[in-house]
Amino acid sequence: MGTRAETIEFLTDQLSALPSLRTRRMFGEYGVYCDDKIVALVCDDTLFVKPTEAGRAYLGTPEEAPAYPGSKPYFKVDGDRWEDRDWLAGLIDCTAAELPVPKPKPARKPKK
């Protein structure tokens, strides 16, 4: 099915309080980045947040599901929860705070 552009626009608008947030199209779906850390995936118009202890505490008893066939379980966040901007930004912010900074990619060697 794939994620619709309108879904990403709405989600990005709801998370506009986070200045370092961006999304990136990946294999027909989207990755959500905060502070250059991938914190969530949007697959088939559903938000899947990377599992962290801070996110688990924030959500209480999260629903866990794979974002795509064969993936590890993520915290599945239903669309009705997206309406609360502050709550959603808080979830993404506490998740990003707990995730490690990505390792820098090695420099590419010039082609001969």
PDB file of N, CA and C in Angstrom:
ATOM      1  N   MET A   1       0.827  -1.192   0.000  1.00  0.00           N
ATOM      2  CA  MET A   1       0.000   0.000   0.000  1.00  0.00           C
ATOM      3  C   MET A   1       0.867   1.249   0.000  1.00  0.00           C
ATOM      4  N   GLY A   2       1.811   1.360   0.932  1.00  0.00           N
ATOM      5  CA  GLY A   2       2.680   2.534   0.987  1.00  0.00           C
ATOM      6  C   GLY A   2       2.057   3.666   1.784  1.00  0.00           C
ATOM      7  N   THR A   3       2.902   4.580   2.191  1.00  0.00           N
ATOM      8  CA  THR A   3       2.467   5.730   2.979  1.00  0.00           C
ATOM      9  C   THR A   3       2.176   6.896   2.052  1.00  0.00           C
ATOM     10  N   ARG A   4       1.059   7.552   2.308  1.00  0.00           N
ATOM     11  CA  ARG A   4       0.664   8.705   1.500  1.00  0.00           C
ATOM     12  C   ARG A   4       1.443   9.952   1.922  1.00  0.00           C
ATOM     13  N   ALA A   5       1.710  10.831   0.977  1.00  0.00           N
ATOM     14  CA  ALA A   5       2.420  12.086   1.255  1.00  0.00           C
ATOM     15  C   ALA A   5       1.657  12.935   2.266  1.00  0.00           C
ATOM     16  N   GLU A   6       0.323  12.875   2.230  1.00  0.00           N
ATOM     17  CA  GLU A   6      -0.493  13.665   3.165  1.00  0.00           C
ATOM     18  C   GLU A   6      -0.243  13.224   4.610  1.00  0.00           C
ATOM     19  N   THR A   7      -0.003  11.948   4.808  1.00  0.00           N
ATOM     20  CA  THR A   7       0.275  11.423   6.146  1.00  0.00           C
ATOM     21  C   THR A   7       1.574  12.015   6.674  1.00  0.00           C
ATOM     22  N   ILE A   8       2.596  12.043   5.846  1.00  0.00           N
ATOM     23  CA  ILE A   8       3.893  12.589   6.257  1.00  0.00           C
ATOM     24  C   ILE A   8       3.783  14.086   6.499  1.00  0.00           C
ATOM     25  N   GLU A   9       3.046  14.794   5.665  1.00  0.00           N
ATOM     26  CA  GLU A   9       2.857  16.229   5.874  1.00  0.00           C
ATOM     27  C   GLU A   9       2.183  16.495   7.213  1.00  0.00           C
ATOM     28  N   PHE A  10       1.140  15.737   7.536  1.00  0.00           N
ATOM     29  CA  PHE A  10       0.437  15.910   8.799  1.00  0.00           C
ATOM     30  C   PHE A  10       1.360  15.605   9.978  1.00  0.00           C
ATOM     31  N   LEU A  11       2.072  14.497   9.904  1.00  0.00           N
ATOM     32  CA  LEU A  11       2.967  14.100  10.978  1.00  0.00           C
ATOM     33  C   LEU A  11       4.074  15.136  11.183  1.00  0.00           C
ATOM     34  N   THR A  12       4.653  15.619  10.099  1.00  0.00           N
ATOM     35  CA  THR A  12       5.703  16.638  10.181  1.00  0.00           C
ATOM     36  C   THR A  12       5.160  17.918  10.805  1.00  0.00           C
ATOM     37  N   ASP A  13       3.943  18.296  10.442  1.00  0.00           N
ATOM     38  CA  ASP A  13       3.318  19.480  11.030  1.00  0.00           C
ATOM     39  C   ASP A  13       3.093  19.285  12.534  1.00  0.00           C
ATOM     40  N   GLN A  14       2.632  18.106  12.907  1.00  0.00           N
ATOM     41  CA  GLN A  14       2.382  17.826  14.325  1.00  0.00           C
ATOM     42  C   GLN A  14       3.672  17.854  15.144  1.00  0.00           C
ATOM     43  N   LEU A  15       4.778  17.539  14.515  1.00  0.00           N
ATOM     44  CA  LEU A  15       6.068  17.486  15.209  1.00  0.00           C
ATOM     45  C   LEU A  15       6.929  18.730  14.947  1.00  0.00           C
ATOM     46  N   SER A  16       6.314  19.791  14.470  1.00  0.00           N
ATOM     47  CA  SER A  16       7.060  21.003  14.117  1.00  0.00           C
ATOM     48  C   SER A  16       7.742  21.662  15.316  1.00  0.00           C
ATOM     49  N   ALA A  17       7.365  21.313  16.540  1.00  0.00           N
ATOM     50  CA  ALA A  17       8.020  21.861  17.732  1.00  0.00           C
ATOM     51  C   ALA A  17       9.449  21.337  17.875  1.00  0.00           C
ATOM     52  N   LEU A  18       9.765  20.248  17.202  1.00  0.00           N
ATOM     53  CA  LEU A  18      11.111  19.681  17.256  1.00  0.00           C
ATOM     54  C   LEU A  18      11.909  20.236  16.079  1.00  0.00           C
ATOM     55  N   PRO A  19      12.822  21.166  16.324  1.00  0.00           N
ATOM     56  CA  PRO A  19      13.513  21.850  15.218  1.00  0.00           C
ATOM     57  C   PRO A  19      14.414  20.954  14.376  1.00  0.00           C
ATOM     58  N   SER A  20      14.891  19.865  14.947  1.00  0.00           N
ATOM     59  CA  SER A  20      15.823  19.010  14.209  1.00  0.00           C
ATOM     60  C   SER A  20      15.137  17.805  13.577  1.00  0.00           C
ATOM     61  N   LEU A  21      13.824  17.869  13.388  1.00  0.00           N
ATOM     62  CA  LEU A  21      13.080  16.750  12.817  1.00  0.00           C
ATOM     63  C   LEU A  21      13.089  16.815  11.294  1.00  0.00           C
ATOM     64  N   ARG A  22      13.246  15.653  10.675  1.00  0.00           N
ATOM     65  CA  ARG A  22      13.124  15.557   9.212  1.00  0.00           C
ATOM     66  C   ARG A  22      12.635  14.167   8.864  1.00  0.00           C
ATOM     67  N   THR A  23      12.091  14.026   7.688  1.00  0.00           N
ATOM     68  CA  THR A  23      11.674  12.715   7.205  1.00  0.00           C
ATOM     69  C   THR A  23      12.420  12.419   5.916  1.00  0.00           C
ATOM     70  N   ARG A  24      12.530  11.136   5.617  1.00  0.00           N
ATOM     71  CA  ARG A  24      13.237  10.724   4.408  1.00  0.00           C
ATOM     72  C   ARG A  24      12.523   9.514   3.823  1.00  0.00           C
ATOM     73  N   ARG A  25      12.275   9.570   2.543  1.00  0.00           N
ATOM     74  CA  ARG A  25      11.629   8.458   1.851  1.00  0.00           C
ATOM     75  C   ARG A  25      12.604   7.290   1.764  1.00  0.00           C
ATOM     76  N   MET A  26      12.104   6.107   2.143  1.00  0.00           N
ATOM     77  CA  MET A  26      12.944   4.916   2.159  1.00  0.00           C
ATOM     78  C   MET A  26      12.125   3.726   1.681  1.00  0.00           C
ATOM     79  N   PHE A  27      12.435   3.192   0.539  1.00  0.00           N
ATOM     80  CA  PHE A  27      11.789   1.982   0.026  1.00  0.00           C
ATOM     81  C   PHE A  27      10.266   2.101  -0.025  1.00  0.00           C
ATOM     82  N   GLY A  28       9.751   3.242  -0.406  1.00  0.00           N
ATOM     83  CA  GLY A  28       8.310   3.445  -0.507  1.00  0.00           C
ATOM     84  C   GLY A  28       7.660   3.863   0.789  1.00  0.00           C
ATOM     85  N   GLU A  29       8.406   3.853   1.864  1.00  0.00           N
ATOM     86  CA  GLU A  29       7.913   4.281   3.170  1.00  0.00           C
ATOM     87  C   GLU A  29       8.789   5.436   3.646  1.00  0.00           C
ATOM     88  N   TYR A  30       8.730   5.784   4.930  1.00  0.00           N
ATOM     89  CA  TYR A  30       9.470   6.942   5.419  1.00  0.00           C
ATOM     90  C   TYR A  30      10.180   6.643   6.728  1.00  0.00           C
ATOM     91  N   GLY A  31      11.348   7.260   6.873  1.00  0.00           N
ATOM     92  CA  GLY A  31      12.063   7.258   8.130  1.00  0.00           C
ATOM     93  C   GLY A  31      11.882   8.630   8.767  1.00  0.00           C
ATOM     94  N   VAL A  32      11.760   8.660  10.087  1.00  0.00           N
ATOM     95  CA  VAL A  32      11.639   9.917  10.826  1.00  0.00           C
ATOM     96  C   VAL A  32      12.929  10.085  11.626  1.00  0.00           C
ATOM     97  N   TYR A  33      13.604  11.210  11.412  1.00  0.00           N
ATOM     98  CA  TYR A  33      14.877  11.489  12.059  1.00  0.00           C
ATOM     99  C   TYR A  33      14.724  12.670  13.007  1.00  0.00           C
ATOM    100  N   CYS A  34      15.406  12.582  14.140  1.00  0.00           N
ATOM    101  CA  CYS A  34      15.474  13.679  15.093  1.00  0.00           C
ATOM    102  C   CYS A  34      16.922  13.741  15.555  1.00  0.00           C
ATOM    103  N   ASP A  35      17.546  14.883  15.439  1.00  0.00           N
ATOM    104  CA  ASP A  35      18.969  15.021  15.779  1.00  0.00           C
ATOM    105  C   ASP A  35      19.818  14.029  14.997  1.00  0.00           C
ATOM    106  N   ASP A  36      19.464  13.821  13.739  1.00  0.00           N
ATOM    107  CA  ASP A  36      20.157  12.888  12.836  1.00  0.00           C
ATOM    108  C   ASP A  36      20.120  11.439  13.296  1.00  0.00           C
ATOM    109  N   LYS A  37      19.207  11.121  14.208  1.00  0.00           N
ATOM    110  CA  LYS A  37      18.995   9.744  14.660  1.00  0.00           C
ATOM    111  C   LYS A  37      17.661   9.283  14.109  1.00  0.00           C
ATOM    112  N   ILE A  38      17.618   8.087  13.545  1.00  0.00           N
ATOM    113  CA  ILE A  38      16.333   7.568  13.079  1.00  0.00           C
ATOM    114  C   ILE A  38      15.553   7.098  14.303  1.00  0.00           C
ATOM    115  N   VAL A  39      14.421   7.752  14.546  1.00  0.00           N
ATOM    116  CA  VAL A  39      13.639   7.479  15.752  1.00  0.00           C
ATOM    117  C   VAL A  39      12.354   6.723  15.464  1.00  0.00           C
ATOM    118  N   ALA A  40      11.923   6.739  14.199  1.00  0.00           N
ATOM    119  CA  ALA A  40      10.654   6.088  13.874  1.00  0.00           C
ATOM    120  C   ALA A  40      10.587   5.784  12.385  1.00  0.00           C
ATOM    121  N   LEU A  41       9.656   4.919  12.049  1.00  0.00           N
ATOM    122  CA  LEU A  41       9.326   4.610  10.661  1.00  0.00           C
ATOM    123  C   LEU A  41       7.838   4.860  10.471  1.00  0.00           C
ATOM    124  N   VAL A  42       7.467   5.277   9.284  1.00  0.00           N
ATOM    125  CA  VAL A  42       6.060   5.386   8.931  1.00  0.00           C
ATOM    126  C   VAL A  42       5.849   4.422   7.771  1.00  0.00           C
ATOM    127  N   CYS A  43       5.106   3.367   8.046  1.00  0.00           N
ATOM    128  CA  CYS A  43       4.854   2.316   7.061  1.00  0.00           C
ATOM    129  C   CYS A  43       3.352   2.107   6.942  1.00  0.00           C
ATOM    130  N   ASP A  44       2.855   2.124   5.731  1.00  0.00           N
ATOM    131  CA  ASP A  44       1.415   1.956   5.482  1.00  0.00           C
ATOM    132  C   ASP A  44       0.584   2.908   6.341  1.00  0.00           C
ATOM    133  N   ASP A  45       1.014   4.174   6.396  1.00  0.00           N
ATOM    134  CA  ASP A  45       0.316   5.232   7.140  1.00  0.00           C
ATOM    135  C   ASP A  45       0.225   4.951   8.636  1.00  0.00           C
ATOM    136  N   THR A  46       1.156   4.187   9.179  1.00  0.00           N
ATOM    137  CA  THR A  46       1.196   3.883  10.602  1.00  0.00           C
ATOM    138  C   THR A  46       2.558   4.287  11.141  1.00  0.00           C
ATOM    139  N   LEU A  47       2.567   4.904  12.332  1.00  0.00           N
ATOM    140  CA  LEU A  47       3.810   5.340  12.970  1.00  0.00           C
ATOM    141  C   LEU A  47       4.345   4.228  13.871  1.00  0.00           C
ATOM    142  N   PHE A  48       5.600   3.880  13.649  1.00  0.00           N
ATOM    143  CA  PHE A  48       6.296   2.880  14.453  1.00  0.00           C
ATOM    144  C   PHE A  48       7.522   3.553  15.059  1.00  0.00           C
ATOM    145  N   VAL A  49       7.551   3.688  16.381  1.00  0.00           N
ATOM    146  CA  VAL A  49       8.635   4.366  17.087  1.00  0.00           C
ATOM    147  C   VAL A  49       9.617   3.321  17.602  1.00  0.00           C
ATOM    148  N   LYS A  50      10.920   3.624  17.466  1.00  0.00           N
ATOM    149  CA  LYS A  50      11.944   2.703  17.960  1.00  0.00           C
ATOM    150  C   LYS A  50      11.751   2.471  19.449  1.00  0.00           C
ATOM    151  N   PRO A  51      11.856   1.231  19.876  1.00  0.00           N
ATOM    152  CA  PRO A  51      11.656   0.948  21.297  1.00  0.00           C
ATOM    153  C   PRO A  51      12.848   1.399  22.149  1.00  0.00           C
ATOM    154  N   THR A  52      12.547   2.159  23.188  1.00  0.00           N
ATOM    155  CA  THR A  52      13.534   2.569  24.192  1.00  0.00           C
ATOM    156  C   THR A  52      12.860   2.465  25.555  1.00  0.00           C
ATOM    157  N   GLU A  53      13.653   2.454  26.601  1.00  0.00           N
ATOM    158  CA  GLU A  53      13.081   2.418  27.950  1.00  0.00           C
ATOM    159  C   GLU A  53      12.313   3.711  28.229  1.00  0.00           C
ATOM    160  N   ALA A  54      12.842   4.840  27.769  1.00  0.00           N
ATOM    161  CA  ALA A  54      12.152   6.119  27.969  1.00  0.00           C
ATOM    162  C   ALA A  54      10.813   6.133  27.234  1.00  0.00           C
ATOM    163  N   GLY A  55      10.787   5.607  26.035  1.00  0.00           N
ATOM    164  CA  GLY A  55       9.543   5.527  25.273  1.00  0.00           C
ATOM    165  C   GLY A  55       8.535   4.606  25.930  1.00  0.00           C
ATOM    166  N   ARG A  56       9.017   3.503  26.461  1.00  0.00           N
ATOM    167  CA  ARG A  56       8.131   2.547  27.155  1.00  0.00           C
ATOM    168  C   ARG A  56       7.517   3.215  28.387  1.00  0.00           C
ATOM    169  N   ALA A  57       8.330   3.947  29.146  1.00  0.00           N
ATOM    170  CA  ALA A  57       7.826   4.643  30.333  1.00  0.00           C
ATOM    171  C   ALA A  57       6.817   5.722  29.936  1.00  0.00           C
ATOM    172  N   TYR A  58       7.083   6.399  28.826  1.00  0.00           N
ATOM    173  CA  TYR A  58       6.204   7.470  28.334  1.00  0.00           C
ATOM    174  C   TYR A  58       4.849   6.904  27.895  1.00  0.00           C
ATOM    175  N   LEU A  59       4.889   5.766  27.227  1.00  0.00           N
ATOM    176  CA  LEU A  59       3.671   5.165  26.684  1.00  0.00           C
ATOM    177  C   LEU A  59       2.895   4.341  27.708  1.00  0.00           C
ATOM    178  N   GLY A  60       3.561   3.886  28.728  1.00  0.00           N
ATOM    179  CA  GLY A  60       2.894   3.010  29.687  1.00  0.00           C
ATOM    180  C   GLY A  60       3.008   1.572  29.218  1.00  0.00           C
ATOM    181  N   THR A  61       1.961   1.070  28.611  1.00  0.00           N
ATOM    182  CA  THR A  61       1.964  -0.275  28.045  1.00  0.00           C
ATOM    183  C   THR A  61       1.823  -0.142  26.526  1.00  0.00           C
ATOM    184  N   PRO A  62       2.954  -0.041  25.829  1.00  0.00           N
ATOM    185  CA  PRO A  62       2.876   0.186  24.385  1.00  0.00           C
ATOM    186  C   PRO A  62       2.452  -1.058  23.614  1.00  0.00           C
ATOM    187  N   GLU A  63       1.772  -0.815  22.506  1.00  0.00           N
ATOM    188  CA  GLU A  63       1.485  -1.911  21.573  1.00  0.00           C
ATOM    189  C   GLU A  63       2.738  -2.085  20.726  1.00  0.00           C
ATOM    190  N   GLU A  64       3.224  -3.298  20.624  1.00  0.00           N
ATOM    191  CA  GLU A  64       4.418  -3.565  19.831  1.00  0.00           C
ATOM    192  C   GLU A  64       4.042  -4.381  18.606  1.00  0.00           C
ATOM    193  N   ALA A  65       4.647  -4.007  17.476  1.00  0.00           N
ATOM    194  CA  ALA A  65       4.383  -4.690  16.217  1.00  0.00           C
ATOM    195  C   ALA A  65       5.551  -4.448  15.274  1.00  0.00           C
ATOM    196  N   PRO A  66       5.781  -5.354  14.328  1.00  0.00           N
ATOM    197  CA  PRO A  66       6.831  -5.114  13.334  1.00  0.00           C
ATOM    198  C   PRO A  66       6.375  -4.021  12.359  1.00  0.00           C
ATOM    199  N   ALA A  67       7.307  -3.161  11.986  1.00  0.00           N
ATOM    200  CA  ALA A  67       6.987  -2.085  11.046  1.00  0.00           C
ATOM    201  C   ALA A  67       6.808  -2.618   9.631  1.00  0.00           C
ATOM    202  N   TYR A  68       7.490  -3.692   9.321  1.00  0.00           N
ATOM    203  CA  TYR A  68       7.408  -4.340   8.011  1.00  0.00           C
ATOM    204  C   TYR A  68       7.739  -5.813   8.232  1.00  0.00           C
ATOM    205  N   PRO A  69       7.412  -6.661   7.306  1.00  0.00           N
ATOM    206  CA  PRO A  69       7.674  -8.094   7.500  1.00  0.00           C
ATOM    207  C   PRO A  69       9.158  -8.359   7.775  1.00  0.00           C
ATOM    208  N   GLY A  70       9.415  -9.049   8.866  1.00  0.00           N
ATOM    209  CA  GLY A  70      10.777  -9.396   9.229  1.00  0.00           C
ATOM    210  C   GLY A  70      11.480  -8.383  10.117  1.00  0.00           C
ATOM    211  N   SER A  71      10.839  -7.255  10.441  1.00  0.00           N
ATOM    212  CA  SER A  71      11.503  -6.256  11.282  1.00  0.00           C
ATOM    213  C   SER A  71      11.359  -6.617  12.755  1.00  0.00           C
ATOM    214  N   LYS A  72      12.198  -6.004  13.563  1.00  0.00           N
ATOM    215  CA  LYS A  72      12.067  -6.126  15.012  1.00  0.00           C
ATOM    216  C   LYS A  72      10.781  -5.404  15.418  1.00  0.00           C
ATOM    217  N   PRO A  73      10.255  -5.694  16.600  1.00  0.00           N
ATOM    218  CA  PRO A  73       9.059  -4.972  17.048  1.00  0.00           C
ATOM    219  C   PRO A  73       9.368  -3.510  17.377  1.00  0.00           C
ATOM    220  N   TYR A  74       8.467  -2.651  16.988  1.00  0.00           N
ATOM    221  CA  TYR A  74       8.513  -1.223  17.281  1.00  0.00           C
ATOM    222  C   TYR A  74       7.289  -0.893  18.115  1.00  0.00           C
ATOM    223  N   PHE A  75       7.284   0.295  18.717  1.00  0.00           N
ATOM    224  CA  PHE A  75       6.087   0.768  19.404  1.00  0.00           C
ATOM    225  C   PHE A  75       5.141   1.327  18.352  1.00  0.00           C
ATOM    226  N   LYS A  76       3.989   0.739  18.221  1.00  0.00           N
ATOM    227  CA  LYS A  76       2.996   1.173  17.237  1.00  0.00           C
ATOM    228  C   LYS A  76       2.142   2.274  17.874  1.00  0.00           C
ATOM    229  N   VAL A  77       2.089   3.430  17.201  1.00  0.00           N
ATOM    230  CA  VAL A  77       1.338   4.570  17.714  1.00  0.00           C
ATOM    231  C   VAL A  77       0.151   4.816  16.789  1.00  0.00           C
ATOM    232  N   ASP A  78      -1.039   4.632  17.306  1.00  0.00           N
ATOM    233  CA  ASP A  78      -2.251   4.785  16.503  1.00  0.00           C
ATOM    234  C   ASP A  78      -2.457   6.233  16.072  1.00  0.00           C
ATOM    235  N   GLY A  79      -3.121   6.404  14.943  1.00  0.00           N
ATOM    236  CA  GLY A  79      -3.356   7.719  14.354  1.00  0.00           C
ATOM    237  C   GLY A  79      -4.106   8.680  15.248  1.00  0.00           C
ATOM    238  N   ASP A  80      -4.999   8.179  16.112  1.00  0.00           N
ATOM    239  CA  ASP A  80      -5.739   9.089  16.984  1.00  0.00           C
ATOM    240  C   ASP A  80      -4.822   9.757  18.010  1.00  0.00           C
ATOM    241  N   ARG A  81      -3.680   9.146  18.334  1.00  0.00           N
ATOM    242  CA  ARG A  81      -2.717   9.751  19.268  1.00  0.00           C
ATOM    243  C   ARG A  81      -1.926  10.870  18.598  1.00  0.00           C
ATOM    244  N   TRP A  82      -1.899  10.888  17.272  1.00  0.00           N
ATOM    245  CA  TRP A  82      -1.152  11.904  16.542  1.00  0.00           C
ATOM    246  C   TRP A  82      -1.762  13.286  16.714  1.00  0.00           C
ATOM    247  N   GLU A  83      -3.016  13.347  17.092  1.00  0.00           N
ATOM    248  CA  GLU A  83      -3.717  14.630  17.223  1.00  0.00           C
ATOM    249  C   GLU A  83      -3.129  15.506  18.329  1.00  0.00           C
ATOM    250  N   ASP A  84      -2.562  14.891  19.355  1.00  0.00           N
ATOM    251  CA  ASP A  84      -2.001  15.628  20.484  1.00  0.00           C
ATOM    252  C   ASP A  84      -0.537  15.958  20.188  1.00  0.00           C
ATOM    253  N   ARG A  85      -0.303  17.170  19.681  1.00  0.00           N
ATOM    254  CA  ARG A  85       1.039  17.604  19.275  1.00  0.00           C
ATOM    255  C   ARG A  85       2.065  17.465  20.389  1.00  0.00           C
ATOM    256  N   ASP A  86       1.727  17.980  21.565  1.00  0.00           N
ATOM    257  CA  ASP A  86       2.682  17.982  22.676  1.00  0.00           C
ATOM    258  C   ASP A  86       3.036  16.563  23.101  1.00  0.00           C
ATOM    259  N   TRP A  87       2.033  15.704  23.175  1.00  0.00           N
ATOM    260  CA  TRP A  87       2.266  14.317  23.566  1.00  0.00           C
ATOM    261  C   TRP A  87       3.172  13.626  22.546  1.00  0.00           C
ATOM    262  N   LEU A  88       2.868  13.810  21.269  1.00  0.00           N
ATOM    263  CA  LEU A  88       3.633  13.153  20.208  1.00  0.00           C
ATOM    264  C   LEU A  88       5.074  13.667  20.172  1.00  0.00           C
ATOM    265  N   ALA A  89       5.247  14.985  20.286  1.00  0.00           N
ATOM    266  CA  ALA A  89       6.595  15.567  20.299  1.00  0.00           C
ATOM    267  C   ALA A  89       7.374  15.064  21.511  1.00  0.00           C
ATOM    268  N   GLY A  90       6.707  14.910  22.643  1.00  0.00           N
ATOM    269  CA  GLY A  90       7.363  14.392  23.841  1.00  0.00           C
ATOM    270  C   GLY A  90       7.861  12.969  23.648  1.00  0.00           C
ATOM    271  N   LEU A  91       7.053  12.147  22.997  1.00  0.00           N
ATOM    272  CA  LEU A  91       7.449  10.765  22.726  1.00  0.00           C
ATOM    273  C   LEU A  91       8.678  10.714  21.824  1.00  0.00           C
ATOM    274  N   ILE A  92       8.655  11.465  20.745  1.00  0.00           N
ATOM    275  CA  ILE A  92       9.785  11.467  19.802  1.00  0.00           C
ATOM    276  C   ILE A  92      11.029  12.050  20.468  1.00  0.00           C
ATOM    277  N   ASP A  93      10.852  13.103  21.260  1.00  0.00           N
ATOM    278  CA  ASP A  93      11.979  13.753  21.932  1.00  0.00           C
ATOM    279  C   ASP A  93      12.641  12.814  22.947  1.00  0.00           C
ATOM    280  N   CYS A  94      11.849  12.132  23.776  1.00  0.00           N
ATOM    281  CA  CYS A  94      12.457  11.238  24.778  1.00  0.00           C
ATOM    282  C   CYS A  94      13.085  10.021  24.108  1.00  0.00           C
ATOM    283  N   THR A  95      12.537   9.585  22.997  1.00  0.00           N
ATOM    284  CA  THR A  95      13.129   8.470  22.253  1.00  0.00           C
ATOM    285  C   THR A  95      14.474   8.885  21.677  1.00  0.00           C
ATOM    286  N   ALA A  96      14.517  10.058  21.044  1.00  0.00           N
ATOM    287  CA  ALA A  96      15.773  10.545  20.451  1.00  0.00           C
ATOM    288  C   ALA A  96      16.845  10.747  21.512  1.00  0.00           C
ATOM    289  N   ALA A  97      16.446  11.222  22.692  1.00  0.00           N
ATOM    290  CA  ALA A  97      17.412  11.469  23.758  1.00  0.00           C
ATOM    291  C   ALA A  97      18.093  10.185  24.217  1.00  0.00           C
ATOM    292  N   GLU A  98      17.409   9.072  24.126  1.00  0.00           N
ATOM    293  CA  GLU A  98      17.970   7.803  24.598  1.00  0.00           C
ATOM    294  C   GLU A  98      18.771   7.055  23.531  1.00  0.00           C
ATOM    295  N   LEU A  99      18.542   7.364  22.277  1.00  0.00           N
ATOM    296  CA  LEU A  99      19.246   6.648  21.200  1.00  0.00           C
ATOM    297  C   LEU A  99      20.663   7.177  21.033  1.00  0.00           C
ATOM    298  N   PRO A 100      21.602   6.305  20.679  1.00  0.00           N
ATOM    299  CA  PRO A 100      22.988   6.753  20.492  1.00  0.00           C
ATOM    300  C   PRO A 100      23.138   7.582  19.216  1.00  0.00           C
ATOM    301  N   VAL A 101      24.161   8.412  19.212  1.00  0.00           N
ATOM    302  CA  VAL A 101      24.484   9.207  18.024  1.00  0.00           C
ATOM    303  C   VAL A 101      24.996   8.250  16.958  1.00  0.00           C
ATOM    304  N   PRO A 102      24.526   8.390  15.708  1.00  0.00           N
ATOM    305  CA  PRO A 102      24.996   7.468  14.666  1.00  0.00           C
ATOM    306  C   PRO A 102      26.494   7.632  14.411  1.00  0.00           C
ATOM    307  N   LYS A 103      27.120   6.527  14.073  1.00  0.00           N
ATOM    308  CA  LYS A 103      28.543   6.552  13.767  1.00  0.00           C
ATOM    309  C   LYS A 103      28.756   7.287  12.444  1.00  0.00           C
ATOM    310  N   PRO A 104      29.818   8.091  12.355  1.00  0.00           N
ATOM    311  CA  PRO A 104      30.073   8.777  11.081  1.00  0.00           C
ATOM    312  C   PRO A 104      30.426   7.769   9.993  1.00  0.00           C
ATOM    313  N   LYS A 105      29.953   8.055   8.798  1.00  0.00           N
ATOM    314  CA  LYS A 105      30.260   7.172   7.676  1.00  0.00           C
ATOM    315  C   LYS A 105      31.690   7.427   7.209  1.00  0.00           C
ATOM    316  N   PRO A 106      32.392   6.382   6.805  1.00  0.00           N
ATOM    317  CA  PRO A 106      33.759   6.590   6.320  1.00  0.00           C
ATOM    318  C   PRO A 106      33.752   7.378   5.016  1.00  0.00           C
ATOM    319  N   ALA A 107      34.818   8.123   4.816  1.00  0.00           N
ATOM    320  CA  ALA A 107      34.938   8.925   3.593  1.00  0.00           C
ATOM    321  C   ALA A 107      35.034   8.001   2.389  1.00  0.00           C
ATOM    322  N   ARG A 108      34.420   8.423   1.315  1.00  0.00           N
ATOM    323  CA  ARG A 108      34.470   7.627   0.086  1.00  0.00           C
ATOM    324  C   ARG A 108      35.820   7.830  -0.578  1.00  0.00           C
ATOM    325  N   LYS A 109      36.327   6.743  -1.105  1.00  0.00           N
ATOM    326  CA  LYS A 109      37.574   6.843  -1.855  1.00  0.00           C
ATOM    327  C   LYS A 109      37.248   7.286  -3.265  1.00  0.00           C
ATOM    328  N   PRO A 110      38.047   8.178  -3.818  1.00  0.00           N
ATOM    329  CA  PRO A 110      37.782   8.625  -5.192  1.00  0.00           C
ATOM    330  C   PRO A 110      37.954   7.483  -6.189  1.00  0.00           C
ATOM    331  N   LYS A 111      37.124   7.525  -7.234  1.00  0.00           N
ATOM    332  CA  LYS A 111      37.224   6.516  -8.289  1.00  0.00           C
ATOM    333  C   LYS A 111      38.469   6.767  -9.103  1.00  0.00           C
ATOM    334  N   LYS A 112      39.056   5.686  -9.559  1.00  0.00           N
ATOM    335  CA  LYS A 112      40.274   5.810 -10.377  1.00  0.00           C
ATOM    336  C   LYS A 112      39.930   5.825 -11.821  1.00  0.00           C
TER     337      LYS A 112
END
